[in-house]
Amino acid sequence: TFTPYDCWRRSHTLHHASTGNLDSRGSGDVDMLTVREFRSLS
């Protein structure tokens, strides 16, 4: 699958542990911003 298992398992475990948590985004997720965060960008 062209996927290093231990690396993927670690990031996927973090995804399961924090799914739906706006303050714990960024581990094994699709990057998503809130409307306010987007407006604050350059």
PDB file of all heavy atoms in Angstrom:
ATOM      1  N   THR A   1       0.807  -1.225   0.000  1.00  0.00           N
ATOM      2  CA  THR A   1       0.000   0.000   0.000  1.00  0.00           C
ATOM      3  C   THR A   1       0.838   1.273   0.000  1.00  0.00           C
ATOM      4  O   THR A   1       0.289   2.377   0.047  1.00  0.00           O
ATOM      5  CB  THR A   1      -0.934   0.028   1.216  1.00  0.00           C
ATOM      6  OG1 THR A   1      -0.156   0.067   2.419  1.00  0.00           O
ATOM      7  CG2 THR A   1      -1.849  -1.187   1.240  1.00  0.00           C
ATOM      8  N   PHE A   2       2.174   1.110  -0.012  1.00  0.00           N
ATOM      9  CA  PHE A   2       3.082   2.268   0.020  1.00  0.00           C
ATOM     10  C   PHE A   2       2.897   3.071   1.307  1.00  0.00           C
ATOM     11  O   PHE A   2       3.072   4.293   1.311  1.00  0.00           O
ATOM     12  CB  PHE A   2       2.842   3.181  -1.196  1.00  0.00           C
ATOM     13  CG  PHE A   2       3.368   2.641  -2.497  1.00  0.00           C
ATOM     14  CD1 PHE A   2       3.098   1.347  -2.907  1.00  0.00           C
ATOM     15  CD2 PHE A   2       4.116   3.443  -3.343  1.00  0.00           C
ATOM     16  CE1 PHE A   2       3.570   0.851  -4.125  1.00  0.00           C
ATOM     17  CE2 PHE A   2       4.603   2.964  -4.568  1.00  0.00           C
ATOM     18  CZ  PHE A   2       4.328   1.654  -4.944  1.00  0.00           C
ATOM     19  N   THR A   3       2.557   2.401   2.400  1.00  0.00           N
ATOM     20  CA  THR A   3       2.236   3.081   3.648  1.00  0.00           C
ATOM     21  C   THR A   3       3.039   2.494   4.798  1.00  0.00           C
ATOM     22  O   THR A   3       2.817   1.337   5.175  1.00  0.00           O
ATOM     23  CB  THR A   3       0.732   2.943   3.974  1.00  0.00           C
ATOM     24  OG1 THR A   3      -0.035   3.430   2.868  1.00  0.00           O
ATOM     25  CG2 THR A   3       0.379   3.739   5.223  1.00  0.00           C
ATOM     26  N   PRO A   4       3.985   3.243   5.382  1.00  0.00           N
ATOM     27  CA  PRO A   4       4.732   2.741   6.547  1.00  0.00           C
ATOM     28  C   PRO A   4       3.784   2.533   7.716  1.00  0.00           C
ATOM     29  O   PRO A   4       3.220   3.495   8.252  1.00  0.00           O
ATOM     30  CB  PRO A   4       5.763   3.835   6.815  1.00  0.00           C
ATOM     31  CG  PRO A   4       5.216   5.058   6.165  1.00  0.00           C
ATOM     32  CD  PRO A   4       4.415   4.599   4.987  1.00  0.00           C
ATOM     33  N   TYR A   5       3.619   1.303   8.109  1.00  0.00           N
ATOM     34  CA  TYR A   5       2.571   0.907   9.054  1.00  0.00           C
ATOM     35  C   TYR A   5       2.677   1.613  10.402  1.00  0.00           C
ATOM     36  O   TYR A   5       1.685   2.133  10.915  1.00  0.00           O
ATOM     37  CB  TYR A   5       2.624  -0.614   9.233  1.00  0.00           C
ATOM     38  CG  TYR A   5       1.753  -1.147  10.336  1.00  0.00           C
ATOM     39  CD1 TYR A   5       0.381  -1.298  10.158  1.00  0.00           C
ATOM     40  CD2 TYR A   5       2.298  -1.525  11.563  1.00  0.00           C
ATOM     41  CE1 TYR A   5      -0.425  -1.799  11.165  1.00  0.00           C
ATOM     42  CE2 TYR A   5       1.503  -2.022  12.577  1.00  0.00           C
ATOM     43  CZ  TYR A   5       0.140  -2.167  12.373  1.00  0.00           C
ATOM     44  OH  TYR A   5      -0.646  -2.663  13.378  1.00  0.00           O
ATOM     45  N   ASP A   6       3.859   1.627  11.000  1.00  0.00           N
ATOM     46  CA  ASP A   6       3.989   2.202  12.338  1.00  0.00           C
ATOM     47  C   ASP A   6       3.709   3.704  12.336  1.00  0.00           C
ATOM     48  O   ASP A   6       3.100   4.229  13.275  1.00  0.00           O
ATOM     49  CB  ASP A   6       5.379   1.919  12.906  1.00  0.00           C
ATOM     50  CG  ASP A   6       5.593   0.437  13.163  1.00  0.00           C
ATOM     51  OD1 ASP A   6       5.164  -0.047  14.221  1.00  0.00           O
ATOM     52  OD2 ASP A   6       6.172  -0.235  12.296  1.00  0.00           O
ATOM     53  N   CYS A   7       4.154   4.392  11.301  1.00  0.00           N
ATOM     54  CA  CYS A   7       3.882   5.831  11.181  1.00  0.00           C
ATOM     55  C   CYS A   7       2.388   6.078  11.037  1.00  0.00           C
ATOM     56  O   CYS A   7       1.807   6.934  11.707  1.00  0.00           O
ATOM     57  CB  CYS A   7       4.619   6.421   9.987  1.00  0.00           C
ATOM     58  SG  CYS A   7       6.411   6.253  10.053  1.00  0.00           S
ATOM     59  N   TRP A   8       1.777   5.318  10.126  1.00  0.00           N
ATOM     60  CA  TRP A   8       0.337   5.500   9.906  1.00  0.00           C
ATOM     61  C   TRP A   8      -0.457   5.142  11.155  1.00  0.00           C
ATOM     62  O   TRP A   8      -1.406   5.859  11.520  1.00  0.00           O
ATOM     63  CB  TRP A   8      -0.119   4.623   8.732  1.00  0.00           C
ATOM     64  CG  TRP A   8      -1.609   4.673   8.574  1.00  0.00           C
ATOM     65  CD1 TRP A   8      -2.329   5.598   7.886  1.00  0.00           C
ATOM     66  CD2 TRP A   8      -2.549   3.788   9.189  1.00  0.00           C
ATOM     67  NE1 TRP A   8      -3.668   5.332   8.027  1.00  0.00           N
ATOM     68  CE2 TRP A   8      -3.833   4.234   8.821  1.00  0.00           C
ATOM     69  CE3 TRP A   8      -2.435   2.662  10.006  1.00  0.00           C
ATOM     70  CZ2 TRP A   8      -4.992   3.590   9.238  1.00  0.00           C
ATOM     71  CZ3 TRP A   8      -3.582   2.022  10.433  1.00  0.00           C
ATOM     72  CH2 TRP A   8      -4.850   2.486  10.043  1.00  0.00           C
ATOM     73  N   ARG A   9      -0.105   4.054  11.829  1.00  0.00           N
ATOM     74  CA  ARG A   9      -0.856   3.635  13.019  1.00  0.00           C
ATOM     75  C   ARG A   9      -0.821   4.713  14.093  1.00  0.00           C
ATOM     76  O   ARG A   9      -1.833   4.990  14.746  1.00  0.00           O
ATOM     77  CB  ARG A   9      -0.267   2.331  13.585  1.00  0.00           C
ATOM     78  CG  ARG A   9      -1.050   1.771  14.770  1.00  0.00           C
ATOM     79  CD  ARG A   9      -0.367   0.545  15.350  1.00  0.00           C
ATOM     80  NE  ARG A   9       0.937   0.891  15.905  1.00  0.00           N
ATOM     81  CZ  ARG A   9       1.781   0.011  16.430  1.00  0.00           C
ATOM     82  NH1 ARG A   9       1.468  -1.282  16.424  1.00  0.00           N
ATOM     83  NH2 ARG A   9       2.939   0.406  16.916  1.00  0.00           N
ATOM     84  N   ARG A  10       0.341   5.358  14.272  1.00  0.00           N
ATOM     85  CA  ARG A  10       0.459   6.411  15.274  1.00  0.00           C
ATOM     86  C   ARG A  10      -0.449   7.595  14.966  1.00  0.00           C
ATOM     87  O   ARG A  10      -1.214   8.053  15.826  1.00  0.00           O
ATOM     88  CB  ARG A  10       1.915   6.876  15.363  1.00  0.00           C
ATOM     89  CG  ARG A  10       2.144   8.083  16.250  1.00  0.00           C
ATOM     90  CD  ARG A  10       1.767   7.816  17.685  1.00  0.00           C
ATOM     91  NE  ARG A  10       2.106   8.956  18.528  1.00  0.00           N
ATOM     92  CZ  ARG A  10       1.662   9.126  19.765  1.00  0.00           C
ATOM     93  NH1 ARG A  10       0.882   8.203  20.307  1.00  0.00           N
ATOM     94  NH2 ARG A  10       2.013  10.191  20.463  1.00  0.00           N
ATOM     95  N   SER A  11      -0.402   8.091  13.736  1.00  0.00           N
ATOM     96  CA  SER A  11      -1.222   9.250  13.375  1.00  0.00           C
ATOM     97  C   SER A  11      -2.707   8.900  13.391  1.00  0.00           C
ATOM     98  O   SER A  11      -3.543   9.721  13.789  1.00  0.00           O
ATOM     99  CB  SER A  11      -0.824   9.796  12.002  1.00  0.00           C
ATOM    100  OG  SER A  11      -1.062   8.843  10.988  1.00  0.00           O
ATOM    101  N   HIS A  12      -3.033   7.667  13.014  1.00  0.00           N
ATOM    102  CA  HIS A  12      -4.441   7.260  12.996  1.00  0.00           C
ATOM    103  C   HIS A  12      -4.975   7.082  14.415  1.00  0.00           C
ATOM    104  O   HIS A  12      -6.145   7.377  14.679  1.00  0.00           O
ATOM    105  CB  HIS A  12      -4.594   5.962  12.206  1.00  0.00           C
ATOM    106  CG  HIS A  12      -6.022   5.639  11.879  1.00  0.00           C
ATOM    107  ND1 HIS A  12      -6.789   6.415  11.032  1.00  0.00           N
ATOM    108  CD2 HIS A  12      -6.836   4.631  12.297  1.00  0.00           C
ATOM    109  CE1 HIS A  12      -7.996   5.900  10.933  1.00  0.00           C
ATOM    110  NE2 HIS A  12      -8.054   4.813  11.698  1.00  0.00           N
ATOM    111  N   THR A  13      -4.140   6.627  15.323  1.00  0.00           N
ATOM    112  CA  THR A  13      -4.550   6.518  16.725  1.00  0.00           C
ATOM    113  C   THR A  13      -4.878   7.899  17.286  1.00  0.00           C
ATOM    114  O   THR A  13      -5.873   8.074  18.011  1.00  0.00           O
ATOM    115  CB  THR A  13      -3.433   5.869  17.560  1.00  0.00           C
ATOM    116  OG1 THR A  13      -3.215   4.533  17.076  1.00  0.00           O
ATOM    117  CG2 THR A  13      -3.816   5.797  19.035  1.00  0.00           C
ATOM    118  N   LEU A  14      -4.059   8.881  16.955  1.00  0.00           N
ATOM    119  CA  LEU A  14      -4.319  10.249  17.402  1.00  0.00           C
ATOM    120  C   LEU A  14      -5.606  10.787  16.790  1.00  0.00           C
ATOM    121  O   LEU A  14      -6.356  11.525  17.440  1.00  0.00           O
ATOM    122  CB  LEU A  14      -3.139  11.148  17.032  1.00  0.00           C
ATOM    123  CG  LEU A  14      -1.818  10.855  17.760  1.00  0.00           C
ATOM    124  CD1 LEU A  14      -0.698  11.705  17.179  1.00  0.00           C
ATOM    125  CD2 LEU A  14      -1.962  11.102  19.258  1.00  0.00           C
ATOM    126  N   HIS A  15      -5.856  10.419  15.550  1.00  0.00           N
ATOM    127  CA  HIS A  15      -7.108  10.830  14.891  1.00  0.00           C
ATOM    128  C   HIS A  15      -8.312  10.289  15.651  1.00  0.00           C
ATOM    129  O   HIS A  15      -9.268  11.028  15.933  1.00  0.00           O
ATOM    130  CB  HIS A  15      -7.115  10.333  13.447  1.00  0.00           C
ATOM    131  CG  HIS A  15      -8.481  10.273  12.835  1.00  0.00           C
ATOM    132  ND1 HIS A  15      -9.220  11.385  12.532  1.00  0.00           N
ATOM    133  CD2 HIS A  15      -9.253   9.196  12.476  1.00  0.00           C
ATOM    134  CE1 HIS A  15     -10.385  11.018  12.022  1.00  0.00           C
ATOM    135  NE2 HIS A  15     -10.427   9.706  11.973  1.00  0.00           N
ATOM    136  N   HIS A  16      -8.282   9.027  16.015  1.00  0.00           N
ATOM    137  CA  HIS A  16      -9.406   8.432  16.750  1.00  0.00           C
ATOM    138  C   HIS A  16      -9.568   9.062  18.134  1.00  0.00           C
ATOM    139  O   HIS A  16     -10.685   9.235  18.617  1.00  0.00           O
ATOM    140  CB  HIS A  16      -9.202   6.920  16.893  1.00  0.00           C
ATOM    141  CG  HIS A  16      -9.829   6.137  15.788  1.00  0.00           C
ATOM    142  ND1 HIS A  16     -11.040   5.494  15.906  1.00  0.00           N
ATOM    143  CD2 HIS A  16      -9.409   5.907  14.519  1.00  0.00           C
ATOM    144  CE1 HIS A  16     -11.334   4.895  14.771  1.00  0.00           C
ATOM    145  NE2 HIS A  16     -10.358   5.119  13.910  1.00  0.00           N
ATOM    146  N   ALA A  17      -8.458   9.399  18.756  1.00  0.00           N
ATOM    147  CA  ALA A  17      -8.509   9.942  20.111  1.00  0.00           C
ATOM    148  C   ALA A  17      -9.015  11.381  20.153  1.00  0.00           C
ATOM    149  O   ALA A  17      -9.445  11.843  21.215  1.00  0.00           O
ATOM    150  CB  ALA A  17      -7.126   9.872  20.754  1.00  0.00           C
ATOM    151  N   SER A  18      -8.974  12.075  19.009  1.00  0.00           N
ATOM    152  CA  SER A  18      -9.327  13.499  19.033  1.00  0.00           C
ATOM    153  C   SER A  18     -10.350  13.890  17.985  1.00  0.00           C
ATOM    154  O   SER A  18     -10.585  15.086  17.777  1.00  0.00           O
ATOM    155  CB  SER A  18      -8.067  14.342  18.845  1.00  0.00           C
ATOM    156  OG  SER A  18      -7.463  14.070  17.584  1.00  0.00           O
ATOM    157  N   THR A  19     -10.977  12.925  17.322  1.00  0.00           N
ATOM    158  CA  THR A  19     -11.924  13.270  16.268  1.00  0.00           C
ATOM    159  C   THR A  19     -13.037  14.161  16.820  1.00  0.00           C
ATOM    160  O   THR A  19     -13.581  13.914  17.899  1.00  0.00           O
ATOM    161  CB  THR A  19     -12.515  11.999  15.634  1.00  0.00           C
ATOM    162  OG1 THR A  19     -13.298  12.367  14.499  1.00  0.00           O
ATOM    163  CG2 THR A  19     -13.394  11.227  16.605  1.00  0.00           C
ATOM    164  N   GLY A  20     -13.348  15.217  16.090  1.00  0.00           N
ATOM    165  CA  GLY A  20     -14.403  16.130  16.514  1.00  0.00           C
ATOM    166  C   GLY A  20     -13.977  17.156  17.540  1.00  0.00           C
ATOM    167  O   GLY A  20     -14.803  17.965  17.976  1.00  0.00           O
ATOM    168  N   ASN A  21     -12.704  17.164  17.934  1.00  0.00           N
ATOM    169  CA  ASN A  21     -12.200  18.110  18.928  1.00  0.00           C
ATOM    170  C   ASN A  21     -11.518  19.272  18.201  1.00  0.00           C
ATOM    171  O   ASN A  21     -10.450  19.111  17.622  1.00  0.00           O
ATOM    172  CB  ASN A  21     -11.213  17.412  19.868  1.00  0.00           C
ATOM    173  CG  ASN A  21     -10.817  18.270  21.052  1.00  0.00           C
ATOM    174  OD1 ASN A  21     -10.806  19.494  20.969  1.00  0.00           O
ATOM    175  ND2 ASN A  21     -10.491  17.626  22.161  1.00  0.00           N
ATOM    176  N   LEU A  22     -12.134  20.435  18.247  1.00  0.00           N
ATOM    177  CA  LEU A  22     -11.601  21.595  17.530  1.00  0.00           C
ATOM    178  C   LEU A  22     -10.242  22.038  18.049  1.00  0.00           C
ATOM    179  O   LEU A  22      -9.488  22.687  17.325  1.00  0.00           O
ATOM    180  CB  LEU A  22     -12.588  22.762  17.619  1.00  0.00           C
ATOM    181  CG  LEU A  22     -13.801  22.702  16.687  1.00  0.00           C
ATOM    182  CD1 LEU A  22     -14.786  23.810  17.040  1.00  0.00           C
ATOM    183  CD2 LEU A  22     -13.381  22.806  15.227  1.00  0.00           C
ATOM    184  N   ASP A  23      -9.929  21.693  19.285  1.00  0.00           N
ATOM    185  CA  ASP A  23      -8.655  22.106  19.867  1.00  0.00           C
ATOM    186  C   ASP A  23      -7.575  21.048  19.723  1.00  0.00           C
ATOM    187  O   ASP A  23      -6.471  21.213  20.246  1.00  0.00           O
ATOM    188  CB  ASP A  23      -8.842  22.452  21.350  1.00  0.00           C
ATOM    189  CG  ASP A  23      -9.755  23.650  21.540  1.00  0.00           C
ATOM    190  OD1 ASP A  23      -9.555  24.651  20.821  1.00  0.00           O
ATOM    191  OD2 ASP A  23     -10.677  23.582  22.369  1.00  0.00           O
ATOM    192  N   SER A  24      -7.884  19.946  19.025  1.00  0.00           N
ATOM    193  CA  SER A  24      -6.890  18.879  18.833  1.00  0.00           C
ATOM    194  C   SER A  24      -6.854  18.425  17.382  1.00  0.00           C
ATOM    195  O   SER A  24      -6.744  17.230  17.093  1.00  0.00           O
ATOM    196  CB  SER A  24      -7.202  17.687  19.760  1.00  0.00           C
ATOM    197  OG  SER A  24      -7.089  18.052  21.112  1.00  0.00           O
ATOM    198  N   ARG A  25      -6.970  19.369  16.482  1.00  0.00           N
ATOM    199  CA  ARG A  25      -6.908  19.040  15.060  1.00  0.00           C
ATOM    200  C   ARG A  25      -5.461  18.882  14.610  1.00  0.00           C
ATOM    201  O   ARG A  25      -4.549  19.354  15.267  1.00  0.00           O
ATOM    202  CB  ARG A  25      -7.556  20.162  14.240  1.00  0.00           C
ATOM    203  CG  ARG A  25      -9.069  20.204  14.292  1.00  0.00           C
ATOM    204  CD  ARG A  25      -9.602  21.512  13.719  1.00  0.00           C
ATOM    205  NE  ARG A  25      -9.411  22.622  14.654  1.00  0.00           N
ATOM    206  CZ  ARG A  25      -9.584  23.904  14.338  1.00  0.00           C
ATOM    207  NH1 ARG A  25      -9.907  24.236  13.105  1.00  0.00           N
ATOM    208  NH2 ARG A  25      -9.399  24.851  15.245  1.00  0.00           N
ATOM    209  N   GLY A  26      -5.279  18.200  13.482  1.00  0.00           N
ATOM    210  CA  GLY A  26      -3.957  18.158  12.880  1.00  0.00           C
ATOM    211  C   GLY A  26      -3.255  16.818  12.905  1.00  0.00           C
ATOM    212  O   GLY A  26      -2.172  16.682  12.355  1.00  0.00           O
ATOM    213  N   SER A  27      -3.855  15.812  13.530  1.00  0.00           N
ATOM    214  CA  SER A  27      -3.231  14.482  13.576  1.00  0.00           C
ATOM    215  C   SER A  27      -4.071  13.498  12.774  1.00  0.00           C
ATOM    216  O   SER A  27      -5.130  13.061  13.227  1.00  0.00           O
ATOM    217  CB  SER A  27      -3.095  13.998  15.022  1.00  0.00           C
ATOM    218  OG  SER A  27      -2.236  14.845  15.752  1.00  0.00           O
ATOM    219  N   GLY A  28      -3.599  13.155  11.569  1.00  0.00           N
ATOM    220  CA  GLY A  28      -4.305  12.185  10.743  1.00  0.00           C
ATOM    221  C   GLY A  28      -5.637  12.685  10.227  1.00  0.00           C
ATOM    222  O   GLY A  28      -6.511  11.882   9.893  1.00  0.00           O
ATOM    223  N   ASP A  29      -5.819  14.006  10.162  1.00  0.00           N
ATOM    224  CA  ASP A  29      -7.084  14.574   9.724  1.00  0.00           C
ATOM    225  C   ASP A  29      -6.921  15.327   8.413  1.00  0.00           C
ATOM    226  O   ASP A  29      -5.811  15.666   7.999  1.00  0.00           O
ATOM    227  CB  ASP A  29      -7.620  15.580  10.766  1.00  0.00           C
ATOM    228  CG  ASP A  29      -7.928  14.928  12.095  1.00  0.00           C
ATOM    229  OD1 ASP A  29      -8.446  13.806  12.084  1.00  0.00           O
ATOM    230  OD2 ASP A  29      -7.653  15.558  13.127  1.00  0.00           O
ATOM    231  N   VAL A  30      -8.062  15.623   7.778  1.00  0.00           N
ATOM    232  CA  VAL A  30      -8.099  16.615   6.710  1.00  0.00           C
ATOM    233  C   VAL A  30      -8.076  17.977   7.396  1.00  0.00           C
ATOM    234  O   VAL A  30      -8.887  18.250   8.281  1.00  0.00           O
ATOM    235  CB  VAL A  30      -9.380  16.463   5.862  1.00  0.00           C
ATOM    236  CG1 VAL A  30      -9.497  17.612   4.852  1.00  0.00           C
ATOM    237  CG2 VAL A  30      -9.399  15.119   5.144  1.00  0.00           C
ATOM    238  N   ASP A  31      -7.129  18.831   7.028  1.00  0.00           N
ATOM    239  CA  ASP A  31      -7.031  20.141   7.670  1.00  0.00           C
ATOM    240  C   ASP A  31      -8.313  20.932   7.450  1.00  0.00           C
ATOM    241  O   ASP A  31      -8.814  21.020   6.321  1.00  0.00           O
ATOM    242  CB  ASP A  31      -5.845  20.930   7.112  1.00  0.00           C
ATOM    243  CG  ASP A  31      -4.510  20.349   7.551  1.00  0.00           C
ATOM    244  OD1 ASP A  31      -4.504  19.546   8.500  1.00  0.00           O
ATOM    245  OD2 ASP A  31      -3.479  20.697   6.945  1.00  0.00           O
ATOM    246  N   MET A  32      -8.839  21.511   8.529  1.00  0.00           N
ATOM    247  CA  MET A  32     -10.089  22.269   8.461  1.00  0.00           C
ATOM    248  C   MET A  32      -9.988  23.475   9.375  1.00  0.00           C
ATOM    249  O   MET A  32      -9.529  23.361  10.518  1.00  0.00           O
ATOM    250  CB  MET A  32     -11.267  21.397   8.875  1.00  0.00           C
ATOM    251  CG  MET A  32     -12.623  22.085   8.781  1.00  0.00           C
ATOM    252  SD  MET A  32     -13.865  21.256   9.774  1.00  0.00           S
ATOM    253  CE  MET A  32     -13.326  21.695  11.444  1.00  0.00           C
ATOM    254  N   LEU A  33     -10.430  24.629   8.887  1.00  0.00           N
ATOM    255  CA  LEU A  33     -10.444  25.853   9.670  1.00  0.00           C
ATOM    256  C   LEU A  33     -11.877  26.256   9.989  1.00  0.00           C
ATOM    257  O   LEU A  33     -12.816  25.909   9.254  1.00  0.00           O
ATOM    258  CB  LEU A  33      -9.773  26.991   8.902  1.00  0.00           C
ATOM    259  CG  LEU A  33      -8.287  26.839   8.555  1.00  0.00           C
ATOM    260  CD1 LEU A  33      -7.823  28.056   7.763  1.00  0.00           C
ATOM    261  CD2 LEU A  33      -7.446  26.655   9.810  1.00  0.00           C
ATOM    262  N   THR A  34     -12.040  27.008  11.064  1.00  0.00           N
ATOM    263  CA  THR A  34     -13.337  27.614  11.339  1.00  0.00           C
ATOM    264  C   THR A  34     -13.448  28.893  10.514  1.00  0.00           C
ATOM    265  O   THR A  34     -12.455  29.385   9.959  1.00  0.00           O
ATOM    266  CB  THR A  34     -13.487  27.953  12.828  1.00  0.00           C
ATOM    267  OG1 THR A  34     -12.563  29.009  13.157  1.00  0.00           O
ATOM    268  CG2 THR A  34     -13.199  26.743  13.709  1.00  0.00           C
ATOM    269  N   VAL A  35     -14.657  29.431  10.442  1.00  0.00           N
ATOM    270  CA  VAL A  35     -14.864  30.680   9.696  1.00  0.00           C
ATOM    271  C   VAL A  35     -14.002  31.794  10.290  1.00  0.00           C
ATOM    272  O   VAL A  35     -13.352  32.555   9.556  1.00  0.00           O
ATOM    273  CB  VAL A  35     -16.353  31.076   9.724  1.00  0.00           C
ATOM    274  CG1 VAL A  35     -16.548  32.461   9.101  1.00  0.00           C
ATOM    275  CG2 VAL A  35     -17.197  30.042   8.980  1.00  0.00           C
ATOM    276  N   ARG A  36     -13.953  31.893  11.607  1.00  0.00           N
ATOM    277  CA  ARG A  36     -13.158  32.944  12.248  1.00  0.00           C
ATOM    278  C   ARG A  36     -11.673  32.766  11.971  1.00  0.00           C
ATOM    279  O   ARG A  36     -10.957  33.746  11.717  1.00  0.00           O
ATOM    280  CB  ARG A  36     -13.420  32.943  13.753  1.00  0.00           C
ATOM    281  CG  ARG A  36     -14.840  33.333  14.149  1.00  0.00           C
ATOM    282  CD  ARG A  36     -14.978  33.463  15.661  1.00  0.00           C
ATOM    283  NE  ARG A  36     -16.360  33.700  16.034  1.00  0.00           N
ATOM    284  CZ  ARG A  36     -17.226  32.757  16.363  1.00  0.00           C
ATOM    285  NH1 ARG A  36     -16.836  31.477  16.350  1.00  0.00           N
ATOM    286  NH2 ARG A  36     -18.470  33.054  16.703  1.00  0.00           N
ATOM    287  N   GLU A  37     -11.197  31.538  12.025  1.00  0.00           N
ATOM    288  CA  GLU A  37      -9.781  31.279  11.752  1.00  0.00           C
ATOM    289  C   GLU A  37      -9.427  31.647  10.314  1.00  0.00           C
ATOM    290  O   GLU A  37      -8.359  32.215  10.052  1.00  0.00           O
ATOM    291  CB  GLU A  37      -9.453  29.817  12.026  1.00  0.00           C
ATOM    292  CG  GLU A  37      -9.485  29.445  13.501  1.00  0.00           C
ATOM    293  CD  GLU A  37      -9.454  27.942  13.725  1.00  0.00           C
ATOM    294  OE1 GLU A  37      -9.738  27.184  12.771  1.00  0.00           O
ATOM    295  OE2 GLU A  37      -9.172  27.519  14.870  1.00  0.00           O
ATOM    296  N   PHE A  38     -10.309  31.328   9.388  1.00  0.00           N
ATOM    297  CA  PHE A  38     -10.062  31.641   7.984  1.00  0.00           C
ATOM    298  C   PHE A  38      -9.982  33.149   7.780  1.00  0.00           C
ATOM    299  O   PHE A  38      -9.102  33.639   7.065  1.00  0.00           O
ATOM    300  CB  PHE A  38     -11.173  31.041   7.116  1.00  0.00           C
ATOM    301  CG  PHE A  38     -11.044  31.343   5.661  1.00  0.00           C
ATOM    302  CD1 PHE A  38     -10.075  30.724   4.889  1.00  0.00           C
ATOM    303  CD2 PHE A  38     -11.906  32.258   5.051  1.00  0.00           C
ATOM    304  CE1 PHE A  38      -9.960  31.010   3.529  1.00  0.00           C
ATOM    305  CE2 PHE A  38     -11.790  32.542   3.698  1.00  0.00           C
ATOM    306  CZ  PHE A  38     -10.817  31.923   2.943  1.00  0.00           C
ATOM    307  N   ARG A  39     -10.884  33.891   8.415  1.00  0.00           N
ATOM    308  CA  ARG A  39     -10.888  35.344   8.264  1.00  0.00           C
ATOM    309  C   ARG A  39      -9.650  35.995   8.865  1.00  0.00           C
ATOM    310  O   ARG A  39      -9.251  37.084   8.434  1.00  0.00           O
ATOM    311  CB  ARG A  39     -12.142  35.923   8.913  1.00  0.00           C
ATOM    312  CG  ARG A  39     -13.420  35.649   8.129  1.00  0.00           C
ATOM    313  CD  ARG A  39     -14.634  36.123   8.883  1.00  0.00           C
ATOM    314  NE  ARG A  39     -15.850  35.988   8.069  1.00  0.00           N
ATOM    315  CZ  ARG A  39     -17.090  36.136   8.546  1.00  0.00           C
ATOM    316  NH1 ARG A  39     -17.260  36.436   9.827  1.00  0.00           N
ATOM    317  NH2 ARG A  39     -18.123  36.000   7.745  1.00  0.00           N
ATOM    318  N   SER A  40      -9.042  35.337   9.831  1.00  0.00           N
ATOM    319  CA  SER A  40      -7.867  35.914  10.478  1.00  0.00           C
ATOM    320  C   SER A  40      -6.586  35.705   9.671  1.00  0.00           C
ATOM    321  O   SER A  40      -5.550  36.285   9.985  1.00  0.00           O
ATOM    322  CB  SER A  40      -7.686  35.316  11.879  1.00  0.00           C
ATOM    323  OG  SER A  40      -7.279  33.952  11.796  1.00  0.00           O
ATOM    324  N   LEU A  41      -6.647  34.883   8.623  1.00  0.00           N
ATOM    325  CA  LEU A  41      -5.470  34.614   7.802  1.00  0.00           C
ATOM    326  C   LEU A  41      -5.144  35.809   6.912  1.00  0.00           C
ATOM    327  O   LEU A  41      -6.000  36.640   6.597  1.00  0.00           O
ATOM    328  CB  LEU A  41      -5.708  33.383   6.920  1.00  0.00           C
ATOM    329  CG  LEU A  41      -5.866  32.025   7.598  1.00  0.00           C
ATOM    330  CD1 LEU A  41      -6.183  30.967   6.546  1.00  0.00           C
ATOM    331  CD2 LEU A  41      -4.624  31.639   8.374  1.00  0.00           C
ATOM    332  N   SER A  42      -3.906  35.851   6.471  1.00  0.00           N
ATOM    333  CA  SER A  42      -3.504  36.833   5.461  1.00  0.00           C
ATOM    334  C   SER A  42      -4.161  36.472   4.132  1.00  0.00           C
ATOM    335  O   SER A  42      -4.698  35.370   3.959  1.00  0.00           O
ATOM    336  CB  SER A  42      -1.988  36.826   5.299  1.00  0.00           C
ATOM    337  OG  SER A  42      -1.555  35.566   4.771  1.00  0.00           O
TER     338      SER A  42
END
